Amino acid sequence: MVRVYPDPILRKPTHPVRPGSPEARAAAEALRESFSRVEGLGLAANQIGLLYRAAIIRLADENGEVPEDSEPIVMLNPRILWRSPELVLEEEGCLSLPGVWAPVPRAKAVRVEYQDEDGKRHVLEVQDLNARLIQHELDHLDGVLFIDHLSVHERNRVLRVFRELQSRKEGVPSAAQVRA
């Protein structure tokens, strides 16, 4: 189950994991299982309650489309080696803040290094949607949410909408319903 804001684990930085270890294998399996049940492009370990530096992503193709049959990539101990100086402002959402979106500035391109489950080192250089996705997931691993990149005014607006959506979901009357 994906942890939802304000769950404190979302704010905790994760710890490196040794590829091939029982912890790494369990984290990878838990990420795959959880990822198969959500509609998203990425998921970080702390979003499912694990404090390992691990994430799973599904990359878009050169046309910006995400093929349904594409194999998700489990990234252990990922780190960004380089970010392009060019920033792009685009709408972003998060499985841990369902139902809300906001424009977030991100580097247009990044180079990321990670290990697979067997410890093999990989380097990916990606741009556009894939760069945004990787920056978003690696932020999670550092205890950072997309709302942290917003102005105070915009963050408060997004959180107000989020709380309203959550109160409706839980059957709690909204302020507007109480006044009516």
C-alpha atoms as a PDB file:
ATOM      1  CA  MET A   1       0.000   0.000   0.000  1.00  0.00           C
ATOM      2  CA  VAL A   2       1.317   3.432  -0.946  1.00  0.00           C
ATOM      3  CA  ARG A   3       1.871   5.722   2.009  1.00  0.00           C
ATOM      4  CA  VAL A   4      -0.066   8.982   1.813  1.00  0.00           C
ATOM      5  CA  TYR A   5       0.952  12.433   3.040  1.00  0.00           C
ATOM      6  CA  PRO A   6       1.467  13.342   5.891  1.00  0.00           C
ATOM      7  CA  ASP A   7       2.854   9.878   6.772  1.00  0.00           C
ATOM      8  CA  PRO A   8       6.206  10.663   8.478  1.00  0.00           C
ATOM      9  CA  ILE A   9       8.122   7.992   6.539  1.00  0.00           C
ATOM     10  CA  LEU A  10       7.752  10.126   3.408  1.00  0.00           C
ATOM     11  CA  ARG A  11      10.011  12.726   5.044  1.00  0.00           C
ATOM     12  CA  LYS A  12      12.741  10.282   6.084  1.00  0.00           C
ATOM     13  CA  PRO A  13      15.877   9.941   3.958  1.00  0.00           C
ATOM     14  CA  THR A  14      16.528   6.376   2.860  1.00  0.00           C
ATOM     15  CA  HIS A  15      19.683   4.316   3.391  1.00  0.00           C
ATOM     16  CA  PRO A  16      21.873   2.592   0.799  1.00  0.00           C
ATOM     17  CA  VAL A  17      21.157  -1.089   0.263  1.00  0.00           C
ATOM     18  CA  ARG A  18      23.670  -3.770  -0.714  1.00  0.00           C
ATOM     19  CA  PRO A  19      22.731  -5.328  -4.071  1.00  0.00           C
ATOM     20  CA  GLY A  20      22.184  -9.067  -3.799  1.00  0.00           C
ATOM     21  CA  SER A  21      21.393  -8.850  -0.079  1.00  0.00           C
ATOM     22  CA  PRO A  22      18.122 -10.236   1.289  1.00  0.00           C
ATOM     23  CA  GLU A  23      17.062  -6.630   2.023  1.00  0.00           C
ATOM     24  CA  ALA A  24      17.696  -5.541  -1.566  1.00  0.00           C
ATOM     25  CA  ARG A  25      15.846  -8.523  -3.005  1.00  0.00           C
ATOM     26  CA  ALA A  26      12.905  -7.989  -0.631  1.00  0.00           C
ATOM     27  CA  ALA A  27      12.778  -4.258  -1.446  1.00  0.00           C
ATOM     28  CA  ALA A  28      12.853  -4.946  -5.202  1.00  0.00           C
ATOM     29  CA  GLU A  29      10.090  -7.537  -4.900  1.00  0.00           C
ATOM     30  CA  ALA A  30       7.946  -5.252  -2.716  1.00  0.00           C
ATOM     31  CA  LEU A  31       8.422  -2.398  -5.203  1.00  0.00           C
ATOM     32  CA  ARG A  32       7.431  -4.606  -8.142  1.00  0.00           C
ATOM     33  CA  GLU A  33       4.369  -5.923  -6.307  1.00  0.00           C
ATOM     34  CA  SER A  34       3.199  -2.459  -5.212  1.00  0.00           C
ATOM     35  CA  PHE A  35       3.995  -0.899  -8.594  1.00  0.00           C
ATOM     36  CA  SER A  36       1.871  -3.492 -10.367  1.00  0.00           C
ATOM     37  CA  ARG A  37      -1.162  -2.289  -8.396  1.00  0.00           C
ATOM     38  CA  VAL A  38      -0.863   1.466  -8.995  1.00  0.00           C
ATOM     39  CA  GLU A  39      -1.185   3.780 -11.952  1.00  0.00           C
ATOM     40  CA  GLY A  40       2.056   5.674 -11.968  1.00  0.00           C
ATOM     41  CA  LEU A  41       5.430   5.900 -13.636  1.00  0.00           C
ATOM     42  CA  GLY A  42       7.533   5.490 -10.532  1.00  0.00           C
ATOM     43  CA  LEU A  43       7.543   4.459  -6.909  1.00  0.00           C
ATOM     44  CA  ALA A  44      10.150   4.953  -4.191  1.00  0.00           C
ATOM     45  CA  ALA A  45      10.793   2.479  -1.380  1.00  0.00           C
ATOM     46  CA  ASN A  46       9.767   4.879   1.396  1.00  0.00           C
ATOM     47  CA  GLN A  47       6.388   5.289  -0.321  1.00  0.00           C
ATOM     48  CA  ILE A  48       5.728   1.659   0.611  1.00  0.00           C
ATOM     49  CA  GLY A  49       7.242   1.909   4.084  1.00  0.00           C
ATOM     50  CA  LEU A  50      10.837   0.807   3.380  1.00  0.00           C
ATOM     51  CA  LEU A  51      13.789   3.047   4.160  1.00  0.00           C
ATOM     52  CA  TYR A  52      16.069   1.622   1.476  1.00  0.00           C
ATOM     53  CA  ARG A  53      17.517   3.710  -1.346  1.00  0.00           C
ATOM     54  CA  ALA A  54      15.525   1.894  -4.014  1.00  0.00           C
ATOM     55  CA  ALA A  55      12.957   2.924  -6.595  1.00  0.00           C
ATOM     56  CA  ILE A  56      11.136   1.473  -9.560  1.00  0.00           C
ATOM     57  CA  ILE A  57      10.376   3.393 -12.748  1.00  0.00           C
ATOM     58  CA  ARG A  58       8.838   2.844 -16.152  1.00  0.00           C
ATOM     59  CA  LEU A  59      10.502   4.948 -18.838  1.00  0.00           C
ATOM     60  CA  ALA A  60       8.740   6.673 -21.717  1.00  0.00           C
ATOM     61  CA  ASP A  61       9.866   6.045 -25.289  1.00  0.00           C
ATOM     62  CA  GLU A  62      11.355   8.691 -27.596  1.00  0.00           C
ATOM     63  CA  ASN A  63       7.815   9.956 -28.370  1.00  0.00           C
ATOM     64  CA  GLY A  64       7.053  10.521 -24.686  1.00  0.00           C
ATOM     65  CA  GLU A  65       4.685   7.533 -24.593  1.00  0.00           C
ATOM     66  CA  VAL A  66       4.968   4.864 -21.915  1.00  0.00           C
ATOM     67  CA  PRO A  67       4.470   1.470 -23.533  1.00  0.00           C
ATOM     68  CA  GLU A  68       2.226  -0.749 -21.410  1.00  0.00           C
ATOM     69  CA  ASP A  69       4.487  -3.718 -21.996  1.00  0.00           C
ATOM     70  CA  SER A  70       7.690  -1.915 -20.995  1.00  0.00           C
ATOM     71  CA  GLU A  71       9.610  -3.616 -18.230  1.00  0.00           C
ATOM     72  CA  PRO A  72       9.952  -1.528 -15.051  1.00  0.00           C
ATOM     73  CA  ILE A  73      13.497  -0.766 -13.902  1.00  0.00           C
ATOM     74  CA  VAL A  74      14.465  -1.310 -10.264  1.00  0.00           C
ATOM     75  CA  MET A  75      17.126   1.209  -9.284  1.00  0.00           C
ATOM     76  CA  LEU A  76      19.253   0.541  -6.209  1.00  0.00           C
ATOM     77  CA  ASN A  77      21.296   3.360  -4.687  1.00  0.00           C
ATOM     78  CA  PRO A  78      20.510   5.806  -7.515  1.00  0.00           C
ATOM     79  CA  ARG A  79      22.191   9.178  -7.620  1.00  0.00           C
ATOM     80  CA  ILE A  80      22.095  12.014 -10.077  1.00  0.00           C
ATOM     81  CA  LEU A  81      25.522  12.665 -11.578  1.00  0.00           C
ATOM     82  CA  TRP A  82      24.536  15.661 -13.701  1.00  0.00           C
ATOM     83  CA  ARG A  83      21.565  17.974 -14.291  1.00  0.00           C
ATOM     84  CA  SER A  84      21.139  20.194 -17.308  1.00  0.00           C
ATOM     85  CA  PRO A  85      21.088  23.906 -16.517  1.00  0.00           C
ATOM     86  CA  GLU A  86      17.874  24.236 -18.544  1.00  0.00           C
ATOM     87  CA  LEU A  87      14.763  24.010 -16.353  1.00  0.00           C
ATOM     88  CA  VAL A  88      11.300  23.012 -17.506  1.00  0.00           C
ATOM     89  CA  LEU A  89       8.114  23.918 -15.631  1.00  0.00           C
ATOM     90  CA  GLU A  90       5.473  21.200 -15.963  1.00  0.00           C
ATOM     91  CA  GLU A  91       2.580  19.765 -13.971  1.00  0.00           C
ATOM     92  CA  GLU A  92       3.529  17.060 -11.529  1.00  0.00           C
ATOM     93  CA  GLY A  93       1.550  14.792  -9.243  1.00  0.00           C
ATOM     94  CA  CYS A  94       2.380  12.052  -6.772  1.00  0.00           C
ATOM     95  CA  LEU A  95       0.913   8.753  -5.629  1.00  0.00           C
ATOM     96  CA  SER A  96       1.470   9.927  -2.034  1.00  0.00           C
ATOM     97  CA  LEU A  97      -0.559  13.098  -2.659  1.00  0.00           C
ATOM     98  CA  PRO A  98      -3.340  11.657  -4.819  1.00  0.00           C
ATOM     99  CA  GLY A  99      -5.568  13.982  -6.772  1.00  0.00           C
ATOM    100  CA  VAL A 100      -3.420  17.117  -6.743  1.00  0.00           C
ATOM    101  CA  TRP A 101      -1.070  18.521  -9.364  1.00  0.00           C
ATOM    102  CA  ALA A 102       1.127  21.586  -9.573  1.00  0.00           C
ATOM    103  CA  PRO A 103       3.749  23.032 -11.917  1.00  0.00           C
ATOM    104  CA  VAL A 104       7.226  22.051 -10.688  1.00  0.00           C
ATOM    105  CA  PRO A 105      10.526  23.280 -12.143  1.00  0.00           C
ATOM    106  CA  ARG A 106      12.912  20.416 -12.967  1.00  0.00           C
ATOM    107  CA  ALA A 107      16.093  20.033 -14.965  1.00  0.00           C
ATOM    108  CA  LYS A 108      15.271  19.170 -18.584  1.00  0.00           C
ATOM    109  CA  ALA A 109      17.875  16.377 -18.632  1.00  0.00           C
ATOM    110  CA  VAL A 110      19.748  14.309 -16.046  1.00  0.00           C
ATOM    111  CA  ARG A 111      22.382  11.618 -15.909  1.00  0.00           C
ATOM    112  CA  VAL A 112      21.724   9.069 -13.173  1.00  0.00           C
ATOM    113  CA  GLU A 113      23.825   6.199 -11.904  1.00  0.00           C
ATOM    114  CA  TYR A 114      22.291   3.196 -10.170  1.00  0.00           C
ATOM    115  CA  GLN A 115      22.865  -0.483  -9.497  1.00  0.00           C
ATOM    116  CA  ASP A 116      20.618  -3.343 -10.492  1.00  0.00           C
ATOM    117  CA  GLU A 117      19.743  -6.152  -8.101  1.00  0.00           C
ATOM    118  CA  ASP A 118      22.945  -8.026  -8.969  1.00  0.00           C
ATOM    119  CA  GLY A 119      25.117  -4.976  -8.298  1.00  0.00           C
ATOM    120  CA  LYS A 120      25.840  -4.106 -11.923  1.00  0.00           C
ATOM    121  CA  ARG A 121      26.352  -0.359 -12.373  1.00  0.00           C
ATOM    122  CA  HIS A 122      24.188   1.449 -14.937  1.00  0.00           C
ATOM    123  CA  VAL A 123      24.226   5.035 -16.157  1.00  0.00           C
ATOM    124  CA  LEU A 124      21.197   6.549 -17.862  1.00  0.00           C
ATOM    125  CA  GLU A 125      21.050   9.942 -19.508  1.00  0.00           C
ATOM    126  CA  VAL A 126      17.443  10.992 -20.025  1.00  0.00           C
ATOM    127  CA  GLN A 127      15.417  14.098 -20.732  1.00  0.00           C
ATOM    128  CA  ASP A 128      11.907  15.495 -20.573  1.00  0.00           C
ATOM    129  CA  LEU A 129       9.374  13.168 -18.887  1.00  0.00           C
ATOM    130  CA  ASN A 130      12.002  10.576 -17.945  1.00  0.00           C
ATOM    131  CA  ALA A 131      14.253  13.229 -16.379  1.00  0.00           C
ATOM    132  CA  ARG A 132      11.295  14.600 -14.411  1.00  0.00           C
ATOM    133  CA  LEU A 133      10.365  11.104 -13.261  1.00  0.00           C
ATOM    134  CA  ILE A 134      13.857  10.280 -12.021  1.00  0.00           C
ATOM    135  CA  GLN A 135      14.224  13.606 -10.200  1.00  0.00           C
ATOM    136  CA  HIS A 136      10.831  13.087  -8.555  1.00  0.00           C
ATOM    137  CA  GLU A 137      11.635   9.550  -7.353  1.00  0.00           C
ATOM    138  CA  LEU A 138      15.128  10.438  -6.141  1.00  0.00           C
ATOM    139  CA  ASP A 139      13.645  13.368  -4.223  1.00  0.00           C
ATOM    140  CA  HIS A 140      11.413  10.826  -2.444  1.00  0.00           C
ATOM    141  CA  LEU A 141      14.495   8.842  -1.445  1.00  0.00           C
ATOM    142  CA  ASP A 142      15.830  12.017   0.201  1.00  0.00           C
ATOM    143  CA  GLY A 143      12.546  12.714   2.045  1.00  0.00           C
ATOM    144  CA  VAL A 144      11.537  15.489  -0.367  1.00  0.00           C
ATOM    145  CA  LEU A 145       8.069  15.803  -1.923  1.00  0.00           C
ATOM    146  CA  PHE A 146       7.137  17.704  -5.069  1.00  0.00           C
ATOM    147  CA  ILE A 147       5.275  20.259  -2.943  1.00  0.00           C
ATOM    148  CA  ASP A 148       8.635  21.264  -1.426  1.00  0.00           C
ATOM    149  CA  HIS A 149       9.580  22.802  -4.792  1.00  0.00           C
ATOM    150  CA  LEU A 150       6.542  25.112  -4.758  1.00  0.00           C
ATOM    151  CA  SER A 151       6.172  28.631  -3.418  1.00  0.00           C
ATOM    152  CA  VAL A 152       4.581  28.853   0.016  1.00  0.00           C
ATOM    153  CA  HIS A 153       1.367  30.178  -1.530  1.00  0.00           C
ATOM    154  CA  GLU A 154       1.175  27.389  -4.131  1.00  0.00           C
ATOM    155  CA  ARG A 155       2.085  24.690  -1.568  1.00  0.00           C
ATOM    156  CA  ASN A 156      -0.673  25.901   0.758  1.00  0.00           C
ATOM    157  CA  ARG A 157      -3.168  25.876  -2.129  1.00  0.00           C
ATOM    158  CA  VAL A 158      -2.218  22.335  -3.154  1.00  0.00           C
ATOM    159  CA  LEU A 159      -2.384  21.079   0.436  1.00  0.00           C
ATOM    160  CA  ARG A 160      -5.775  22.747   0.948  1.00  0.00           C
ATOM    161  CA  VAL A 161      -7.140  20.942  -2.133  1.00  0.00           C
ATOM    162  CA  PHE A 162      -5.493  17.693  -1.015  1.00  0.00           C
ATOM    163  CA  ARG A 163      -7.045  17.882   2.476  1.00  0.00           C
ATOM    164  CA  GLU A 164     -10.445  18.614   0.916  1.00  0.00           C
ATOM    165  CA  LEU A 165     -10.132  15.557  -1.346  1.00  0.00           C
ATOM    166  CA  GLN A 166      -9.018  13.391   1.575  1.00  0.00           C
ATOM    167  CA  SER A 167     -11.903  14.542   3.766  1.00  0.00           C
ATOM    168  CA  ARG A 168     -14.395  13.663   1.010  1.00  0.00           C
ATOM    169  CA  LYS A 169     -12.754  10.281   0.542  1.00  0.00           C
ATOM    170  CA  GLU A 170     -12.997   9.558   4.257  1.00  0.00           C
ATOM    171  CA  GLY A 171     -16.596  10.749   4.466  1.00  0.00           C
ATOM    172  CA  VAL A 172     -15.757  13.720   6.663  1.00  0.00           C
ATOM    173  CA  PRO A 173     -17.926  16.715   5.787  1.00  0.00           C
ATOM    174  CA  SER A 174     -15.997  19.579   4.197  1.00  0.00           C
ATOM    175  CA  ALA A 175     -16.124  23.116   5.545  1.00  0.00           C
ATOM    176  CA  ALA A 176     -18.461  24.051   2.700  1.00  0.00           C
ATOM    177  CA  GLN A 177     -20.780  21.142   3.550  1.00  0.00           C
ATOM    178  CA  VAL A 178     -20.813  22.094   7.246  1.00  0.00           C
ATOM    179  CA  ARG A 179     -21.738  25.727   6.436  1.00  0.00           C
ATOM    180  CA  ALA A 180     -24.544  24.709   4.059  1.00  0.00           C
END
